[in-house]
């Protein structure tokens, strides 16, 4: 007797939280006769071009998080699994790096603003002196 694939079941290893930089394996299985071939997809991303029951993502990034599903197909028919959501969390080192970069940017911006204020005040003070002494400071003669 031949049967189209039943709705595939999907599991994820390791279970629980997925940390950025880690590795995760998705597994797909379905009852079918003849045996099914499997293709992995990312929702809104098309095929991830991974064939087989297992799909391993090494050095995973937060951008690779999202919904995944597999398709089980044989000569009789095909069936998609339900969606499996991968929530990839950023590691603390990338958070620290982001915070350090943000602090450095703020410090440089603040230093630039203070430099412009200092130069503007210096120019303004020199302009007042020049007006009070009858000319530009660099054109006066020494007595």
Protein backbone atom coordinates (compact mmCIF):
# COMPACT_ATOMS: atom_id res chain seq x y z
CA UNK A 1 0.00 0.00 0.00
CA UNK A 2 1.31 3.49 -0.84
CA UNK A 3 0.62 6.53 1.29
CA UNK A 4 1.33 10.22 0.91
CA UNK A 5 3.33 11.68 3.80
CA UNK A 6 1.42 12.44 6.98
CA UNK A 7 1.89 15.90 8.53
CA UNK A 8 5.57 15.95 9.49
CA UNK A 9 6.63 16.58 13.07
CA UNK A 10 9.52 18.95 13.74
CA UNK A 11 11.84 19.01 16.74
CA UNK A 12 14.77 21.21 17.69
CA UNK A 13 18.03 20.30 19.44
CA UNK A 14 19.12 21.57 21.84
CA UNK A 15 15.71 22.48 23.26
CA UNK A 16 15.12 25.86 24.88
CA UNK A 17 16.93 29.13 24.35
CA UNK A 18 19.21 29.41 21.32
CA UNK A 19 22.21 31.67 21.89
CA UNK A 20 23.83 33.59 19.07
CA UNK A 21 27.01 31.84 17.91
CA UNK A 22 25.71 28.43 18.94
CA UNK A 23 24.52 25.50 16.86
CA UNK A 24 20.99 24.17 16.40
CA UNK A 25 19.60 21.14 14.59
CA UNK A 26 16.05 20.88 13.29
CA UNK A 27 14.67 17.38 12.66
CA UNK A 28 11.71 16.40 10.52
CA UNK A 29 9.90 13.06 10.36
CA UNK A 30 6.76 11.76 8.69
CA UNK A 31 5.07 8.43 8.08
CA UNK A 32 5.00 7.73 4.35
CA UNK A 33 5.21 4.80 1.95
CA UNK A 34 7.42 5.04 -0.03
CA UNK A 35 9.69 6.94 2.36
CA UNK A 36 9.58 10.72 2.10
CA UNK A 37 12.33 13.09 1.05
CA UNK A 38 12.60 16.28 3.10
CA UNK A 39 13.29 19.90 2.19
CA UNK A 40 13.67 22.72 4.71
CA UNK A 41 12.17 26.19 4.32
CA UNK A 42 12.31 29.47 6.21
CA UNK A 43 9.01 31.37 6.28
CA UNK A 44 9.29 34.46 4.05
CA UNK A 45 12.75 33.29 3.07
CA UNK A 46 12.11 30.42 0.68
CA UNK A 47 14.04 27.20 0.62
CA UNK A 48 17.14 27.09 2.76
CA UNK A 49 18.45 24.56 0.24
CA UNK A 50 18.86 21.90 2.84
CA UNK A 51 17.69 18.43 1.95
CA UNK A 52 17.27 15.66 4.47
CA UNK A 53 15.59 14.92 7.77
CA UNK A 54 18.02 17.11 9.70
CA UNK A 55 18.98 20.74 9.16
CA UNK A 56 21.89 22.04 11.23
CA UNK A 57 22.72 25.74 11.53
CA UNK A 58 26.19 26.37 12.97
CA UNK A 59 27.32 29.74 14.32
CA UNK A 60 23.72 30.96 14.27
CA UNK A 61 22.97 34.71 14.29
CA UNK A 62 19.89 36.62 15.42
CA UNK A 63 19.12 37.32 11.75
CA UNK A 64 18.61 33.58 11.21
CA UNK A 65 15.88 33.44 13.85
CA UNK A 66 12.30 33.02 12.67
CA UNK A 67 9.87 30.37 11.51
CA UNK A 68 11.08 27.20 9.79
CA UNK A 69 9.18 24.25 8.38
CA UNK A 70 9.91 21.12 6.42
CA UNK A 71 8.20 19.56 3.45
CA UNK A 72 7.87 15.77 3.25
CA UNK A 73 7.44 14.53 -0.33
CA UNK A 74 7.18 11.15 -2.00
CA UNK A 75 5.80 9.83 -5.29
CA UNK A 76 2.24 9.88 -3.88
CA UNK A 77 2.12 13.41 -2.45
CA UNK A 78 3.56 16.03 -0.15
CA UNK A 79 2.80 17.59 3.21
CA UNK A 80 4.25 20.56 5.12
CA UNK A 81 4.96 20.59 8.84
CA UNK A 82 3.69 23.23 11.19
CA UNK A 83 6.01 26.18 11.80
CA UNK A 84 8.88 25.88 14.27
CA UNK A 85 9.96 29.27 15.70
CA UNK A 86 13.66 29.73 16.40
CA UNK A 87 14.25 32.55 18.89
CA UNK A 88 17.94 33.40 18.75
CA UNK A 89 19.12 35.64 21.59
CA UNK A 90 22.15 37.88 21.39
CA UNK A 91 25.08 36.92 23.56
CA UNK A 92 26.17 39.25 26.33
CA UNK A 93 29.48 39.95 24.55
CA UNK A 94 27.68 41.43 21.55
CA UNK A 95 25.52 43.49 23.94
CA UNK A 96 28.64 44.75 25.69
CA UNK A 97 30.23 45.60 22.34
CA UNK A 98 27.12 47.51 21.26
CA UNK A 99 27.05 49.41 24.55
CA UNK A 100 30.77 50.24 24.29
CA UNK A 101 30.38 51.51 20.72
CA UNK A 102 27.35 53.62 21.72
CA UNK A 103 29.24 55.15 24.67
CA UNK A 104 32.25 55.89 22.47
CA UNK A 105 30.06 57.58 19.87
CA UNK A 106 28.40 59.76 22.50
CA UNK A 107 31.81 60.71 23.96
CA UNK A 108 33.19 61.73 20.55
CA UNK A 109 30.05 63.73 19.76
CA UNK A 110 30.20 65.52 23.11
CA UNK A 111 33.92 66.31 22.68
CA UNK A 112 33.25 67.72 19.19
CA UNK A 113 30.46 69.96 20.48
CA UNK A 114 32.65 71.23 23.34
CA UNK A 115 35.51 71.94 20.90
CA UNK A 116 33.21 73.99 18.65
CA UNK A 117 31.90 75.97 21.64
CA UNK A 118 35.46 76.64 22.84
CA UNK A 119 36.60 77.83 19.38
CA UNK A 120 33.51 80.00 18.93
CA UNK A 121 34.01 81.66 22.34
CA UNK A 122 37.72 82.24 21.63
CA UNK A 123 36.91 83.85 18.29
CA UNK A 124 34.23 86.01 19.87
CA UNK A 125 36.64 87.16 22.63
CA UNK A 126 39.35 87.98 20.07
CA UNK A 127 36.82 89.95 18.01
CA UNK A 128 35.83 92.06 21.09
CA UNK A 129 39.47 92.79 21.90
CA UNK A 130 40.15 93.88 18.33
CA UNK A 131 37.18 96.26 18.35
CA UNK A 132 38.22 97.73 21.69
CA UNK A 133 41.80 98.41 20.56
CA UNK A 134 41.04 99.92 17.19
CA UNK A 135 41.75 97.12 14.79
CA UNK A 136 42.54 93.53 14.32
CA UNK A 137 44.98 92.12 16.86
CA UNK A 138 47.38 90.90 14.19
CA UNK A 139 47.73 94.36 12.55
CA UNK A 140 48.67 96.40 15.66
CA UNK A 141 52.18 97.70 16.02
CA UNK A 142 54.18 97.13 19.17
CA UNK A 143 55.15 100.34 21.07
